[in-house]
């Protein structure tokens, strides 16, 4: 969060991979950032 100069905690996010034949996004994972703004694993 560059407005406040802090890590952005508790931001939900998702990771997707494109199926190159179907041209559709497949969700691989859901996550949320920790107190340091990171989402491990």
ModelCIF file with pLDDT and N, C-alpha, C, O atoms, coordinates in Angstrom:
data_MODEL
#
_entry.id   MODEL 
#
_entity.id                         1 
_entity.type                       polymer 
_entity.pdbx_number_of_molecules   1 
#
_entity_poly.entity_id                      1 
_entity_poly.type                           'polypeptide(L)' 
_entity_poly.nstd_linkage                   no 
_entity_poly.nstd_monomer                   no 
_entity_poly.pdbx_seq_one_letter_code       
;(UNK)(UNK)(UNK)(UNK)(UNK)(UNK)(UNK)(UNK)(UNK)(UNK)(UNK)(UNK)(UNK)(UNK)(UNK)(UNK)
(UNK)(UNK)(UNK)(UNK)(UNK)(UNK)(UNK)(UNK)(UNK)(UNK)(UNK)(UNK)(UNK)(UNK)(UNK)(UNK)
(UNK)(UNK)(UNK)(UNK)(UNK)(UNK)(UNK)(UNK)(UNK)
;
_entity_poly.pdbx_seq_one_letter_code_can   XXXXXXXXXXXXXXXXXXXXXXXXXXXXXXXXXXXXXXXXX 
_entity_poly.pdbx_strand_id                 A 
#
loop_
_entity_poly_seq.entity_id 
_entity_poly_seq.num 
_entity_poly_seq.mon_id 
_entity_poly_seq.hetero 
1 1  UNK n 
1 2  UNK n 
1 3  UNK n 
1 4  UNK n 
1 5  UNK n 
1 6  UNK n 
1 7  UNK n 
1 8  UNK n 
1 9  UNK n 
1 10 UNK n 
1 11 UNK n 
1 12 UNK n 
1 13 UNK n 
1 14 UNK n 
1 15 UNK n 
1 16 UNK n 
1 17 UNK n 
1 18 UNK n 
1 19 UNK n 
1 20 UNK n 
1 21 UNK n 
1 22 UNK n 
1 23 UNK n 
1 24 UNK n 
1 25 UNK n 
1 26 UNK n 
1 27 UNK n 
1 28 UNK n 
1 29 UNK n 
1 30 UNK n 
1 31 UNK n 
1 32 UNK n 
1 33 UNK n 
1 34 UNK n 
1 35 UNK n 
1 36 UNK n 
1 37 UNK n 
1 38 UNK n 
1 39 UNK n 
1 40 UNK n 
1 41 UNK n 
#
_struct_asym.id          A 
_struct_asym.entity_id   1 
#
loop_
_ma_qa_metric.id 
_ma_qa_metric.mode 
_ma_qa_metric.name 
_ma_qa_metric.software_group_id 
_ma_qa_metric.type 
1 global pLDDT . pLDDT 
2 local  pLDDT . pLDDT 
#
_ma_qa_metric_global.metric_id      1 
_ma_qa_metric_global.metric_value   96.98 
_ma_qa_metric_global.model_id       1 
_ma_qa_metric_global.ordinal_id     1 
#
loop_
_ma_qa_metric_local.label_asym_id 
_ma_qa_metric_local.label_comp_id 
_ma_qa_metric_local.label_seq_id 
_ma_qa_metric_local.metric_id 
_ma_qa_metric_local.metric_value 
_ma_qa_metric_local.model_id 
_ma_qa_metric_local.ordinal_id 
A UNK 1  2 98.00 1 1  
A UNK 2  2 98.00 1 2  
A UNK 3  2 97.00 1 3  
A UNK 4  2 97.00 1 4  
A UNK 5  2 98.00 1 5  
A UNK 6  2 98.00 1 6  
A UNK 7  2 98.00 1 7  
A UNK 8  2 98.00 1 8  
A UNK 9  2 98.00 1 9  
A UNK 10 2 98.00 1 10 
A UNK 11 2 98.00 1 11 
A UNK 12 2 98.00 1 12 
A UNK 13 2 98.00 1 13 
A UNK 14 2 98.00 1 14 
A UNK 15 2 98.00 1 15 
A UNK 16 2 98.00 1 16 
A UNK 17 2 98.00 1 17 
A UNK 18 2 98.00 1 18 
A UNK 19 2 96.00 1 19 
A UNK 20 2 90.00 1 20 
A UNK 21 2 93.00 1 21 
A UNK 22 2 93.00 1 22 
A UNK 23 2 94.00 1 23 
A UNK 24 2 97.00 1 24 
A UNK 25 2 98.00 1 25 
A UNK 26 2 98.00 1 26 
A UNK 27 2 98.00 1 27 
A UNK 28 2 98.00 1 28 
A UNK 29 2 97.00 1 29 
A UNK 30 2 97.00 1 30 
A UNK 31 2 97.00 1 31 
A UNK 32 2 98.00 1 32 
A UNK 33 2 98.00 1 33 
A UNK 34 2 98.00 1 34 
A UNK 35 2 98.00 1 35 
A UNK 36 2 98.00 1 36 
A UNK 37 2 98.00 1 37 
A UNK 38 2 98.00 1 38 
A UNK 39 2 96.00 1 39 
A UNK 40 2 92.00 1 40 
A UNK 41 2 94.00 1 41 
#
loop_
_atom_site.group_PDB 
_atom_site.id 
_atom_site.type_symbol 
_atom_site.label_atom_id 
_atom_site.label_alt_id 
_atom_site.label_comp_id 
_atom_site.label_asym_id 
_atom_site.label_entity_id 
_atom_site.label_seq_id 
_atom_site.pdbx_PDB_ins_code 
_atom_site.Cartn_x 
_atom_site.Cartn_y 
_atom_site.Cartn_z 
_atom_site.occupancy 
_atom_site.B_iso_or_equiv 
_atom_site.pdbx_formal_charge 
_atom_site.auth_seq_id 
_atom_site.auth_comp_id 
_atom_site.auth_asym_id 
_atom_site.auth_atom_id 
_atom_site.pdbx_PDB_model_num 
ATOM 1   N N  . UNK A 1 1  ? 0.878   -1.166  0.000   1.00 98.00 ? 1  UNK A N  1 
ATOM 2   C CA . UNK A 1 1  ? 0.000   0.000   0.000   1.00 98.00 ? 1  UNK A CA 1 
ATOM 3   C C  . UNK A 1 1  ? 0.916   1.217   0.000   1.00 98.00 ? 1  UNK A C  1 
ATOM 4   O O  . UNK A 1 1  ? 1.427   1.621   1.045   1.00 98.00 ? 1  UNK A O  1 
ATOM 5   N N  . UNK A 1 2  ? 1.119   1.798   -1.180  1.00 98.00 ? 2  UNK A N  1 
ATOM 6   C CA . UNK A 1 2  ? 2.057   2.912   -1.275  1.00 98.00 ? 2  UNK A CA 1 
ATOM 7   C C  . UNK A 1 2  ? 1.426   4.232   -0.834  1.00 98.00 ? 2  UNK A C  1 
ATOM 8   O O  . UNK A 1 2  ? 2.137   5.221   -0.659  1.00 98.00 ? 2  UNK A O  1 
ATOM 9   N N  . UNK A 1 3  ? 0.116   4.265   -0.655  1.00 97.00 ? 3  UNK A N  1 
ATOM 10  C CA . UNK A 1 3  ? -0.526  5.471   -0.107  1.00 97.00 ? 3  UNK A CA 1 
ATOM 11  C C  . UNK A 1 3  ? -0.104  5.695   1.330   1.00 97.00 ? 3  UNK A C  1 
ATOM 12  O O  . UNK A 1 3  ? 0.146   6.826   1.746   1.00 97.00 ? 3  UNK A O  1 
ATOM 13  N N  . UNK A 1 4  ? -0.025  4.605   2.091   1.00 97.00 ? 4  UNK A N  1 
ATOM 14  C CA . UNK A 1 4  ? 0.306   4.690   3.510   1.00 97.00 ? 4  UNK A CA 1 
ATOM 15  C C  . UNK A 1 4  ? 1.719   4.208   3.815   1.00 97.00 ? 4  UNK A C  1 
ATOM 16  O O  . UNK A 1 4  ? 2.183   4.324   4.949   1.00 97.00 ? 4  UNK A O  1 
ATOM 17  N N  . UNK A 1 5  ? 2.406   3.668   2.810   1.00 98.00 ? 5  UNK A N  1 
ATOM 18  C CA . UNK A 1 5  ? 3.767   3.183   3.010   1.00 98.00 ? 5  UNK A CA 1 
ATOM 19  C C  . UNK A 1 5  ? 3.849   1.942   3.875   1.00 98.00 ? 5  UNK A C  1 
ATOM 20  O O  . UNK A 1 5  ? 4.771   1.794   4.678   1.00 98.00 ? 5  UNK A O  1 
ATOM 21  N N  . UNK A 1 6  ? 2.864   1.032   3.706   1.00 98.00 ? 6  UNK A N  1 
ATOM 22  C CA . UNK A 1 6  ? 2.817   -0.192  4.518   1.00 98.00 ? 6  UNK A CA 1 
ATOM 23  C C  . UNK A 1 6  ? 2.515   -1.394  3.638   1.00 98.00 ? 6  UNK A C  1 
ATOM 24  O O  . UNK A 1 6  ? 1.983   -1.238  2.540   1.00 98.00 ? 6  UNK A O  1 
ATOM 25  N N  . UNK A 1 7  ? 2.849   -2.595  4.107   1.00 98.00 ? 7  UNK A N  1 
ATOM 26  C CA . UNK A 1 7  ? 2.405   -3.798  3.393   1.00 98.00 ? 7  UNK A CA 1 
ATOM 27  C C  . UNK A 1 7  ? 0.876   -3.861  3.410   1.00 98.00 ? 7  UNK A C  1 
ATOM 28  O O  . UNK A 1 7  ? 0.242   -3.429  4.373   1.00 98.00 ? 7  UNK A O  1 
ATOM 29  N N  . UNK A 1 8  ? 0.298   -4.396  2.351   1.00 98.00 ? 8  UNK A N  1 
ATOM 30  C CA . UNK A 1 8  ? -1.164  -4.541  2.262   1.00 98.00 ? 8  UNK A CA 1 
ATOM 31  C C  . UNK A 1 8  ? -1.552  -5.930  2.769   1.00 98.00 ? 8  UNK A C  1 
ATOM 32  O O  . UNK A 1 8  ? -1.439  -6.921  2.047   1.00 98.00 ? 8  UNK A O  1 
ATOM 33  N N  . UNK A 1 9  ? -2.006  -5.987  4.006   1.00 98.00 ? 9  UNK A N  1 
ATOM 34  C CA . UNK A 1 9  ? -2.395  -7.250  4.636   1.00 98.00 ? 9  UNK A CA 1 
ATOM 35  C C  . UNK A 1 9  ? -3.837  -7.599  4.282   1.00 98.00 ? 9  UNK A C  1 
ATOM 36  O O  . UNK A 1 9  ? -4.680  -6.721  4.098   1.00 98.00 ? 9  UNK A O  1 
ATOM 37  N N  . UNK A 1 10 ? -4.094  -8.876  4.193   1.00 98.00 ? 10 UNK A N  1 
ATOM 38  C CA . UNK A 1 10 ? -5.433  -9.426  3.960   1.00 98.00 ? 10 UNK A CA 1 
ATOM 39  C C  . UNK A 1 10 ? -6.015  -9.030  2.591   1.00 98.00 ? 10 UNK A C  1 
ATOM 40  O O  . UNK A 1 10 ? -7.206  -8.740  2.475   1.00 98.00 ? 10 UNK A O  1 
ATOM 41  N N  . UNK A 1 11 ? -5.166  -9.024  1.569   1.00 98.00 ? 11 UNK A N  1 
ATOM 42  C CA . UNK A 1 11 ? -5.644  -8.852  0.187   1.00 98.00 ? 11 UNK A CA 1 
ATOM 43  C C  . UNK A 1 11 ? -5.883  -10.243 -0.376  1.00 98.00 ? 11 UNK A C  1 
ATOM 44  O O  . UNK A 1 11 ? -4.963  -11.058 -0.443  1.00 98.00 ? 11 UNK A O  1 
ATOM 45  N N  . UNK A 1 12 ? -7.122  -10.514 -0.782  1.00 98.00 ? 12 UNK A N  1 
ATOM 46  C CA . UNK A 1 12 ? -7.435  -11.796 -1.424  1.00 98.00 ? 12 UNK A CA 1 
ATOM 47  C C  . UNK A 1 12 ? -6.868  -11.791 -2.833  1.00 98.00 ? 12 UNK A C  1 
ATOM 48  O O  . UNK A 1 12 ? -6.861  -10.768 -3.516  1.00 98.00 ? 12 UNK A O  1 
ATOM 49  N N  . UNK A 1 13 ? -6.393  -12.957 -3.251  1.00 98.00 ? 13 UNK A N  1 
ATOM 50  C CA . UNK A 1 13 ? -5.864  -13.069 -4.610  1.00 98.00 ? 13 UNK A CA 1 
ATOM 51  C C  . UNK A 1 13 ? -6.088  -14.482 -5.131  1.00 98.00 ? 13 UNK A C  1 
ATOM 52  O O  . UNK A 1 13 ? -6.349  -15.414 -4.370  1.00 98.00 ? 13 UNK A O  1 
ATOM 53  N N  . UNK A 1 14 ? -5.981  -14.612 -6.433  1.00 98.00 ? 14 UNK A N  1 
ATOM 54  C CA . UNK A 1 14 ? -6.124  -15.926 -7.063  1.00 98.00 ? 14 UNK A CA 1 
ATOM 55  C C  . UNK A 1 14 ? -5.105  -16.059 -8.182  1.00 98.00 ? 14 UNK A C  1 
ATOM 56  O O  . UNK A 1 14 ? -4.740  -15.084 -8.839  1.00 98.00 ? 14 UNK A O  1 
ATOM 57  N N  . UNK A 1 15 ? -4.654  -17.299 -8.382  1.00 98.00 ? 15 UNK A N  1 
ATOM 58  C CA . UNK A 1 15 ? -3.696  -17.629 -9.434  1.00 98.00 ? 15 UNK A CA 1 
ATOM 59  C C  . UNK A 1 15 ? -4.390  -18.495 -10.463 1.00 98.00 ? 15 UNK A C  1 
ATOM 60  O O  . UNK A 1 15 ? -5.079  -19.454 -10.116 1.00 98.00 ? 15 UNK A O  1 
ATOM 61  N N  . UNK A 1 16 ? -4.209  -18.155 -11.735 1.00 98.00 ? 16 UNK A N  1 
ATOM 62  C CA . UNK A 1 16 ? -4.855  -18.860 -12.841 1.00 98.00 ? 16 UNK A CA 1 
ATOM 63  C C  . UNK A 1 16 ? -3.813  -19.192 -13.908 1.00 98.00 ? 16 UNK A C  1 
ATOM 64  O O  . UNK A 1 16 ? -2.802  -18.501 -14.038 1.00 98.00 ? 16 UNK A O  1 
ATOM 65  N N  . UNK A 1 17 ? -4.071  -20.265 -14.677 1.00 98.00 ? 17 UNK A N  1 
ATOM 66  C CA . UNK A 1 17 ? -3.241  -20.597 -15.839 1.00 98.00 ? 17 UNK A CA 1 
ATOM 67  C C  . UNK A 1 17 ? -4.170  -20.709 -17.046 1.00 98.00 ? 17 UNK A C  1 
ATOM 68  O O  . UNK A 1 17 ? -5.270  -21.252 -16.939 1.00 98.00 ? 17 UNK A O  1 
ATOM 69  N N  . UNK A 1 18 ? -3.732  -20.202 -18.180 1.00 98.00 ? 18 UNK A N  1 
ATOM 70  C CA . UNK A 1 18 ? -4.531  -20.249 -19.405 1.00 98.00 ? 18 UNK A CA 1 
ATOM 71  C C  . UNK A 1 18 ? -4.432  -21.617 -20.046 1.00 98.00 ? 18 UNK A C  1 
ATOM 72  O O  . UNK A 1 18 ? -3.333  -22.118 -20.283 1.00 98.00 ? 18 UNK A O  1 
ATOM 73  N N  . UNK A 1 19 ? -5.570  -22.222 -20.328 1.00 96.00 ? 19 UNK A N  1 
ATOM 74  C CA . UNK A 1 19 ? -5.625  -23.442 -21.134 1.00 96.00 ? 19 UNK A CA 1 
ATOM 75  C C  . UNK A 1 19 ? -5.463  -22.989 -22.582 1.00 96.00 ? 19 UNK A C  1 
ATOM 76  O O  . UNK A 1 19 ? -6.373  -22.383 -23.148 1.00 96.00 ? 19 UNK A O  1 
ATOM 77  N N  . UNK A 1 20 ? -4.311  -23.281 -23.181 1.00 90.00 ? 20 UNK A N  1 
ATOM 78  C CA . UNK A 1 20 ? -3.996  -22.748 -24.503 1.00 90.00 ? 20 UNK A CA 1 
ATOM 79  C C  . UNK A 1 20 ? -4.890  -23.295 -25.607 1.00 90.00 ? 20 UNK A C  1 
ATOM 80  O O  . UNK A 1 20 ? -5.037  -22.659 -26.651 1.00 90.00 ? 20 UNK A O  1 
ATOM 81  N N  . UNK A 1 21 ? -5.489  -24.461 -25.395 1.00 93.00 ? 21 UNK A N  1 
ATOM 82  C CA . UNK A 1 21 ? -6.377  -25.006 -26.427 1.00 93.00 ? 21 UNK A CA 1 
ATOM 83  C C  . UNK A 1 21 ? -7.789  -24.456 -26.297 1.00 93.00 ? 21 UNK A C  1 
ATOM 84  O O  . UNK A 1 21 ? -8.399  -24.082 -27.299 1.00 93.00 ? 21 UNK A O  1 
ATOM 85  N N  . UNK A 1 22 ? -8.318  -24.400 -25.079 1.00 93.00 ? 22 UNK A N  1 
ATOM 86  C CA . UNK A 1 22 ? -9.681  -23.914 -24.866 1.00 93.00 ? 22 UNK A CA 1 
ATOM 87  C C  . UNK A 1 22 ? -9.773  -22.400 -24.729 1.00 93.00 ? 22 UNK A C  1 
ATOM 88  O O  . UNK A 1 22 ? -10.857 -21.823 -24.812 1.00 93.00 ? 22 UNK A O  1 
ATOM 89  N N  . UNK A 1 23 ? -8.604  -21.755 -24.517 1.00 94.00 ? 23 UNK A N  1 
ATOM 90  C CA . UNK A 1 23 ? -8.536  -20.299 -24.305 1.00 94.00 ? 23 UNK A CA 1 
ATOM 91  C C  . UNK A 1 23 ? -9.375  -19.875 -23.103 1.00 94.00 ? 23 UNK A C  1 
ATOM 92  O O  . UNK A 1 23 ? -10.049 -18.845 -23.131 1.00 94.00 ? 23 UNK A O  1 
ATOM 93  N N  . UNK A 1 24 ? -9.322  -20.692 -22.042 1.00 97.00 ? 24 UNK A N  1 
ATOM 94  C CA . UNK A 1 24 ? -10.033 -20.414 -20.795 1.00 97.00 ? 24 UNK A CA 1 
ATOM 95  C C  . UNK A 1 24 ? -9.037  -20.393 -19.649 1.00 97.00 ? 24 UNK A C  1 
ATOM 96  O O  . UNK A 1 24 ? -8.058  -21.139 -19.647 1.00 97.00 ? 24 UNK A O  1 
ATOM 97  N N  . UNK A 1 25 ? -9.299  -19.524 -18.667 1.00 98.00 ? 25 UNK A N  1 
ATOM 98  C CA . UNK A 1 25 ? -8.463  -19.457 -17.480 1.00 98.00 ? 25 UNK A CA 1 
ATOM 99  C C  . UNK A 1 25 ? -8.915  -20.509 -16.481 1.00 98.00 ? 25 UNK A C  1 
ATOM 100 O O  . UNK A 1 25 ? -10.102 -20.598 -16.167 1.00 98.00 ? 25 UNK A O  1 
ATOM 101 N N  . UNK A 1 26 ? -7.980  -21.306 -15.979 1.00 98.00 ? 26 UNK A N  1 
ATOM 102 C CA . UNK A 1 26 ? -8.251  -22.298 -14.930 1.00 98.00 ? 26 UNK A CA 1 
ATOM 103 C C  . UNK A 1 26 ? -7.650  -21.805 -13.617 1.00 98.00 ? 26 UNK A C  1 
ATOM 104 O O  . UNK A 1 26 ? -6.459  -21.507 -13.542 1.00 98.00 ? 26 UNK A O  1 
ATOM 105 N N  . UNK A 1 27 ? -8.487  -21.723 -12.585 1.00 98.00 ? 27 UNK A N  1 
ATOM 106 C CA . UNK A 1 27 ? -7.988  -21.291 -11.288 1.00 98.00 ? 27 UNK A CA 1 
ATOM 107 C C  . UNK A 1 27 ? -7.137  -22.394 -10.679 1.00 98.00 ? 27 UNK A C  1 
ATOM 108 O O  . UNK A 1 27 ? -7.542  -23.555 -10.628 1.00 98.00 ? 27 UNK A O  1 
ATOM 109 N N  . UNK A 1 28 ? -5.945  -22.012 -10.216 1.00 98.00 ? 28 UNK A N  1 
ATOM 110 C CA . UNK A 1 28 ? -5.017  -22.957 -9.598  1.00 98.00 ? 28 UNK A CA 1 
ATOM 111 C C  . UNK A 1 28 ? -5.001  -22.848 -8.082  1.00 98.00 ? 28 UNK A C  1 
ATOM 112 O O  . UNK A 1 28 ? -4.815  -23.844 -7.382  1.00 98.00 ? 28 UNK A O  1 
ATOM 113 N N  . UNK A 1 29 ? -5.198  -21.621 -7.571  1.00 97.00 ? 29 UNK A N  1 
ATOM 114 C CA . UNK A 1 29 ? -5.071  -21.424 -6.137  1.00 97.00 ? 29 UNK A CA 1 
ATOM 115 C C  . UNK A 1 29 ? -5.730  -20.122 -5.711  1.00 97.00 ? 29 UNK A C  1 
ATOM 116 O O  . UNK A 1 29 ? -5.843  -19.175 -6.490  1.00 97.00 ? 29 UNK A O  1 
ATOM 117 N N  . UNK A 1 30 ? -6.158  -20.099 -4.463  1.00 97.00 ? 30 UNK A N  1 
ATOM 118 C CA . UNK A 1 30 ? -6.666  -18.898 -3.808  1.00 97.00 ? 30 UNK A CA 1 
ATOM 119 C C  . UNK A 1 30 ? -5.747  -18.597 -2.640  1.00 97.00 ? 30 UNK A C  1 
ATOM 120 O O  . UNK A 1 30 ? -5.198  -19.514 -2.030  1.00 97.00 ? 30 UNK A O  1 
ATOM 121 N N  . UNK A 1 31 ? -5.577  -17.343 -2.328  1.00 97.00 ? 31 UNK A N  1 
ATOM 122 C CA . UNK A 1 31 ? -4.742  -16.990 -1.196  1.00 97.00 ? 31 UNK A CA 1 
ATOM 123 C C  . UNK A 1 31 ? -5.107  -15.634 -0.641  1.00 97.00 ? 31 UNK A C  1 
ATOM 124 O O  . UNK A 1 31 ? -5.990  -14.944 -1.152  1.00 97.00 ? 31 UNK A O  1 
ATOM 125 N N  . UNK A 1 32 ? -4.403  -15.267 0.422   1.00 98.00 ? 32 UNK A N  1 
ATOM 126 C CA . UNK A 1 32 ? -4.577  -13.957 1.049   1.00 98.00 ? 32 UNK A CA 1 
ATOM 127 C C  . UNK A 1 32 ? -3.219  -13.516 1.579   1.00 98.00 ? 32 UNK A C  1 
ATOM 128 O O  . UNK A 1 32 ? -2.458  -14.322 2.116   1.00 98.00 ? 32 UNK A O  1 
ATOM 129 N N  . UNK A 1 33 ? -2.927  -12.243 1.424   1.00 98.00 ? 33 UNK A N  1 
ATOM 130 C CA . UNK A 1 33 ? -1.644  -11.750 1.906   1.00 98.00 ? 33 UNK A CA 1 
ATOM 131 C C  . UNK A 1 33 ? -1.609  -11.752 3.434   1.00 98.00 ? 33 UNK A C  1 
ATOM 132 O O  . UNK A 1 33 ? -2.624  -11.555 4.102   1.00 98.00 ? 33 UNK A O  1 
ATOM 133 N N  . UNK A 1 34 ? -0.412  -11.981 3.958   1.00 98.00 ? 34 UNK A N  1 
ATOM 134 C CA . UNK A 1 34 ? -0.214  -11.969 5.402   1.00 98.00 ? 34 UNK A CA 1 
ATOM 135 C C  . UNK A 1 34 ? 0.062   -10.530 5.861   1.00 98.00 ? 34 UNK A C  1 
ATOM 136 O O  . UNK A 1 34 ? -0.080  -9.589  5.081   1.00 98.00 ? 34 UNK A O  1 
ATOM 137 N N  . UNK A 1 35 ? 0.449   -10.369 7.105   1.00 98.00 ? 35 UNK A N  1 
ATOM 138 C CA . UNK A 1 35 ? 0.690   -9.035  7.667   1.00 98.00 ? 35 UNK A CA 1 
ATOM 139 C C  . UNK A 1 35 ? 1.842   -8.305  6.982   1.00 98.00 ? 35 UNK A C  1 
ATOM 140 O O  . UNK A 1 35 ? 1.944   -7.081  7.074   1.00 98.00 ? 35 UNK A O  1 
ATOM 141 N N  . UNK A 1 36 ? 2.706   -9.049  6.298   1.00 98.00 ? 36 UNK A N  1 
ATOM 142 C CA . UNK A 1 36 ? 3.820   -8.449  5.576   1.00 98.00 ? 36 UNK A CA 1 
ATOM 143 C C  . UNK A 1 36 ? 3.502   -8.234  4.094   1.00 98.00 ? 36 UNK A C  1 
ATOM 144 O O  . UNK A 1 36 ? 4.375   -7.855  3.314   1.00 98.00 ? 36 UNK A O  1 
ATOM 145 N N  . UNK A 1 37 ? 2.235   -8.481  3.711   1.00 98.00 ? 37 UNK A N  1 
ATOM 146 C CA . UNK A 1 37 ? 1.816   -8.292  2.322   1.00 98.00 ? 37 UNK A CA 1 
ATOM 147 C C  . UNK A 1 37 ? 2.205   -9.424  1.391   1.00 98.00 ? 37 UNK A C  1 
ATOM 148 O O  . UNK A 1 37 ? 2.083   -9.298  0.172   1.00 98.00 ? 37 UNK A O  1 
ATOM 149 N N  . UNK A 1 38 ? 2.674   -10.536 1.958   1.00 98.00 ? 38 UNK A N  1 
ATOM 150 C CA . UNK A 1 38 ? 3.120   -11.669 1.141   1.00 98.00 ? 38 UNK A CA 1 
ATOM 151 C C  . UNK A 1 38 ? 2.089   -12.791 1.156   1.00 98.00 ? 38 UNK A C  1 
ATOM 152 O O  . UNK A 1 38 ? 1.282   -12.914 2.077   1.00 98.00 ? 38 UNK A O  1 
ATOM 153 N N  . UNK A 1 39 ? 2.142   -13.602 0.109   1.00 96.00 ? 39 UNK A N  1 
ATOM 154 C CA . UNK A 1 39 ? 1.255   -14.770 0.009   1.00 96.00 ? 39 UNK A CA 1 
ATOM 155 C C  . UNK A 1 39 ? 2.103   -15.972 -0.375  1.00 96.00 ? 39 UNK A C  1 
ATOM 156 O O  . UNK A 1 39 ? 2.283   -16.262 -1.558  1.00 96.00 ? 39 UNK A O  1 
ATOM 157 N N  . UNK A 1 40 ? 2.624   -16.670 0.626   1.00 92.00 ? 40 UNK A N  1 
ATOM 158 C CA . UNK A 1 40 ? 3.511   -17.811 0.331   1.00 92.00 ? 40 UNK A CA 1 
ATOM 159 C C  . UNK A 1 40 ? 2.737   -19.020 -0.186  1.00 92.00 ? 40 UNK A C  1 
ATOM 160 O O  . UNK A 1 40 ? 1.529   -19.139 0.021   1.00 92.00 ? 40 UNK A O  1 
ATOM 161 N N  . UNK A 1 41 ? 3.454   -19.909 -0.859  1.00 94.00 ? 41 UNK A N  1 
ATOM 162 C CA . UNK A 1 41 ? 2.877   -21.183 -1.275  1.00 94.00 ? 41 UNK A CA 1 
ATOM 163 C C  . UNK A 1 41 ? 1.869   -21.109 -2.396  1.00 94.00 ? 41 UNK A C  1 
ATOM 164 O O  . UNK A 1 41 ? 1.331   -22.136 -2.811  1.00 94.00 ? 41 UNK A O  1 
#
